């Protein structure tokens, strides 16, 4: 079974960092355990918070450095899906044409056999 990572939204990350700040009596491991996240994950969130002048700038899943990069990735996915759809449609049209031609050939041979023998 694949090991799927949990994905946390931005609000949860903000709240987790705030929870640690609001509970200085708890050690880091206790905070992480209470929140249900790994020690290193919580440490990274706190470090990012501290490095961004106490502002939370978590990008969420995908780790894009800007909204422009995130939009480019979305457009690339959309283009790839569109290309796949076009390819599949052409493949099915080609298949339908070939099968129709084969059907016509077989039908004409059967017709000729039945009518000229």
C-alpha atoms as a PDB file:
ATOM      1  CA  UNK A   1       0.000   0.000   0.000  1.00  0.00           C
ATOM      2  CA  UNK A   2       1.373   3.416  -0.946  1.00  0.00           C
ATOM      3  CA  UNK A   3       2.375   5.744   1.844  1.00  0.00           C
ATOM      4  CA  UNK A   4       0.329   8.903   1.165  1.00  0.00           C
ATOM      5  CA  UNK A   5       1.499  12.125   2.787  1.00  0.00           C
ATOM      6  CA  UNK A   6      -0.994  14.270   4.628  1.00  0.00           C
ATOM      7  CA  UNK A   7      -1.667  17.647   3.073  1.00  0.00           C
ATOM      8  CA  UNK A   8      -2.385  20.557   5.381  1.00  0.00           C
ATOM      9  CA  UNK A   9      -4.041  23.745   4.265  1.00  0.00           C
ATOM     10  CA  UNK A  10      -2.539  27.167   4.886  1.00  0.00           C
ATOM     11  CA  UNK A  11      -4.888  27.977   7.752  1.00  0.00           C
ATOM     12  CA  UNK A  12      -3.894  24.819   9.623  1.00  0.00           C
ATOM     13  CA  UNK A  13      -0.204  25.709   9.224  1.00  0.00           C
ATOM     14  CA  UNK A  14      -0.829  29.228  10.521  1.00  0.00           C
ATOM     15  CA  UNK A  15      -2.774  27.879  13.482  1.00  0.00           C
ATOM     16  CA  UNK A  16      -0.059  25.308  14.230  1.00  0.00           C
ATOM     17  CA  UNK A  17       2.664  27.970  14.399  1.00  0.00           C
ATOM     18  CA  UNK A  18       0.425  30.182  16.557  1.00  0.00           C
ATOM     19  CA  UNK A  19      -0.368  27.218  18.848  1.00  0.00           C
ATOM     20  CA  UNK A  20       3.357  26.668  19.470  1.00  0.00           C
ATOM     21  CA  UNK A  21       3.858  30.355  20.219  1.00  0.00           C
ATOM     22  CA  UNK A  22       0.875  30.442  22.575  1.00  0.00           C
ATOM     23  CA  UNK A  23       2.143  27.400  24.527  1.00  0.00           C
ATOM     24  CA  UNK A  24       5.769  28.092  25.433  1.00  0.00           C
ATOM     25  CA  UNK A  25       5.447  25.628  28.321  1.00  0.00           C
ATOM     26  CA  UNK A  26       5.164  22.732  25.844  1.00  0.00           C
ATOM     27  CA  UNK A  27       8.241  21.348  24.168  1.00  0.00           C
ATOM     28  CA  UNK A  28       8.361  21.159  20.387  1.00  0.00           C
ATOM     29  CA  UNK A  29       7.661  17.400  20.275  1.00  0.00           C
ATOM     30  CA  UNK A  30       4.557  17.807  22.452  1.00  0.00           C
ATOM     31  CA  UNK A  31       3.175  20.516  20.165  1.00  0.00           C
ATOM     32  CA  UNK A  32       3.774  18.343  17.117  1.00  0.00           C
ATOM     33  CA  UNK A  33       2.122  15.344  18.769  1.00  0.00           C
ATOM     34  CA  UNK A  34      -0.922  17.389  19.841  1.00  0.00           C
ATOM     35  CA  UNK A  35      -1.313  18.740  16.313  1.00  0.00           C
ATOM     36  CA  UNK A  36      -0.772  15.354  14.674  1.00  0.00           C
ATOM     37  CA  UNK A  37       2.188  16.434  12.549  1.00  0.00           C
ATOM     38  CA  UNK A  38       5.797  15.354  12.435  1.00  0.00           C
ATOM     39  CA  UNK A  39       8.498  17.153  14.414  1.00  0.00           C
ATOM     40  CA  UNK A  40      10.431  18.111  11.294  1.00  0.00           C
ATOM     41  CA  UNK A  41       7.291  19.355   9.556  1.00  0.00           C
ATOM     42  CA  UNK A  42       6.377  21.641  12.426  1.00  0.00           C
ATOM     43  CA  UNK A  43       9.976  22.827  12.717  1.00  0.00           C
ATOM     44  CA  UNK A  44       9.995  23.722   8.999  1.00  0.00           C
ATOM     45  CA  UNK A  45       6.727  25.659   9.336  1.00  0.00           C
ATOM     46  CA  UNK A  46       8.127  27.587  12.320  1.00  0.00           C
ATOM     47  CA  UNK A  47      11.404  28.291  10.477  1.00  0.00           C
ATOM     48  CA  UNK A  48       9.555  29.576   7.405  1.00  0.00           C
ATOM     49  CA  UNK A  49       7.398  31.771   9.641  1.00  0.00           C
ATOM     50  CA  UNK A  50      10.454  33.191  11.374  1.00  0.00           C
ATOM     51  CA  UNK A  51      12.363  33.751   8.102  1.00  0.00           C
ATOM     52  CA  UNK A  52       9.433  35.682   6.611  1.00  0.00           C
ATOM     53  CA  UNK A  53       9.354  38.342   9.362  1.00  0.00           C
ATOM     54  CA  UNK A  54       6.649  36.578  11.349  1.00  0.00           C
ATOM     55  CA  UNK A  55       4.344  36.396   8.347  1.00  0.00           C
ATOM     56  CA  UNK A  56       3.022  33.113   7.139  1.00  0.00           C
ATOM     57  CA  UNK A  57       3.660  32.730   3.410  1.00  0.00           C
ATOM     58  CA  UNK A  58       3.039  29.036   2.945  1.00  0.00           C
ATOM     59  CA  UNK A  59       2.362  28.191  -0.685  1.00  0.00           C
ATOM     60  CA  UNK A  60       0.480  24.974  -0.016  1.00  0.00           C
ATOM     61  CA  UNK A  61       0.928  21.798  -2.012  1.00  0.00           C
ATOM     62  CA  UNK A  62       3.141  21.991  -5.062  1.00  0.00           C
ATOM     63  CA  UNK A  63       5.693  24.339  -3.466  1.00  0.00           C
ATOM     64  CA  UNK A  64       5.449  26.993  -6.186  1.00  0.00           C
ATOM     65  CA  UNK A  65       7.459  30.104  -5.480  1.00  0.00           C
ATOM     66  CA  UNK A  66       4.864  32.429  -7.010  1.00  0.00           C
ATOM     67  CA  UNK A  67       1.302  32.557  -8.237  1.00  0.00           C
ATOM     68  CA  UNK A  68       2.641  32.857 -11.775  1.00  0.00           C
ATOM     69  CA  UNK A  69       4.486  29.529 -11.495  1.00  0.00           C
ATOM     70  CA  UNK A  70       1.390  27.892 -10.031  1.00  0.00           C
ATOM     71  CA  UNK A  71      -0.746  29.205 -12.923  1.00  0.00           C
ATOM     72  CA  UNK A  72       1.849  28.036 -15.475  1.00  0.00           C
ATOM     73  CA  UNK A  73       1.790  24.545 -13.981  1.00  0.00           C
ATOM     74  CA  UNK A  74      -2.017  24.502 -14.121  1.00  0.00           C
ATOM     75  CA  UNK A  75      -1.972  25.603 -17.771  1.00  0.00           C
ATOM     76  CA  UNK A  76       0.642  22.967 -18.637  1.00  0.00           C
ATOM     77  CA  UNK A  77      -1.579  20.286 -17.055  1.00  0.00           C
ATOM     78  CA  UNK A  78      -4.605  21.598 -18.930  1.00  0.00           C
ATOM     79  CA  UNK A  79      -2.686  21.592 -22.248  1.00  0.00           C
ATOM     80  CA  UNK A  80      -1.450  18.050 -21.643  1.00  0.00           C
ATOM     81  CA  UNK A  81      -4.997  16.861 -20.889  1.00  0.00           C
ATOM     82  CA  UNK A  82      -6.328  18.602 -24.011  1.00  0.00           C
ATOM     83  CA  UNK A  83      -3.614  17.024 -26.163  1.00  0.00           C
ATOM     84  CA  UNK A  84      -4.475  13.630 -24.688  1.00  0.00           C
ATOM     85  CA  UNK A  85      -8.183  14.156 -25.457  1.00  0.00           C
ATOM     86  CA  UNK A  86      -7.388  15.177 -29.057  1.00  0.00           C
ATOM     87  CA  UNK A  87      -5.161  12.143 -29.529  1.00  0.00           C
ATOM     88  CA  UNK A  88      -7.812   9.793 -28.142  1.00  0.00           C
ATOM     89  CA  UNK A  89     -10.528  11.343 -30.321  1.00  0.00           C
ATOM     90  CA  UNK A  90      -8.354  10.970 -33.427  1.00  0.00           C
ATOM     91  CA  UNK A  91      -7.515   7.403 -32.496  1.00  0.00           C
ATOM     92  CA  UNK A  92     -11.198   6.506 -32.070  1.00  0.00           C
ATOM     93  CA  UNK A  93     -12.159   8.280 -35.311  1.00  0.00           C
ATOM     94  CA  UNK A  94      -9.408   6.420 -37.135  1.00  0.00           C
ATOM     95  CA  UNK A  95     -10.513   3.153 -35.572  1.00  0.00           C
ATOM     96  CA  UNK A  96     -14.135   3.822 -36.511  1.00  0.00           C
ATOM     97  CA  UNK A  97     -13.141   4.645 -40.105  1.00  0.00           C
ATOM     98  CA  UNK A  98     -11.040   1.506 -40.427  1.00  0.00           C
ATOM     99  CA  UNK A  99     -13.701  -0.695 -38.895  1.00  0.00           C
ATOM    100  CA  UNK A 100     -16.332   0.891 -41.139  1.00  0.00           C
ATOM    101  CA  UNK A 101     -14.188   0.221 -44.227  1.00  0.00           C
ATOM    102  CA  UNK A 102     -13.585  -3.379 -43.160  1.00  0.00           C
ATOM    103  CA  UNK A 103     -17.284  -3.813 -42.505  1.00  0.00           C
ATOM    104  CA  UNK A 104     -18.120  -2.413 -45.965  1.00  0.00           C
ATOM    105  CA  UNK A 105     -15.608  -4.747 -47.654  1.00  0.00           C
ATOM    106  CA  UNK A 106     -16.913  -7.793 -45.818  1.00  0.00           C
ATOM    107  CA  UNK A 107     -20.522  -6.812 -46.467  1.00  0.00           C
ATOM    108  CA  UNK A 108     -19.864  -6.246 -50.163  1.00  0.00           C
ATOM    109  CA  UNK A 109     -18.121  -9.632 -50.490  1.00  0.00           C
ATOM    110  CA  UNK A 110     -20.998 -11.368 -48.740  1.00  0.00           C
ATOM    111  CA  UNK A 111     -23.502  -9.542 -50.968  1.00  0.00           C
ATOM    112  CA  UNK A 112     -21.559 -10.477 -54.092  1.00  0.00           C
ATOM    113  CA  UNK A 113     -21.375 -14.125 -53.029  1.00  0.00           C
ATOM    114  CA  UNK A 114     -25.066 -14.350 -52.282  1.00  0.00           C
ATOM    115  CA  UNK A 115     -26.185 -12.512 -55.392  1.00  0.00           C
ATOM    116  CA  UNK A 116     -23.799 -13.922 -58.021  1.00  0.00           C
ATOM    117  CA  UNK A 117     -23.552 -17.592 -57.083  1.00  0.00           C
END
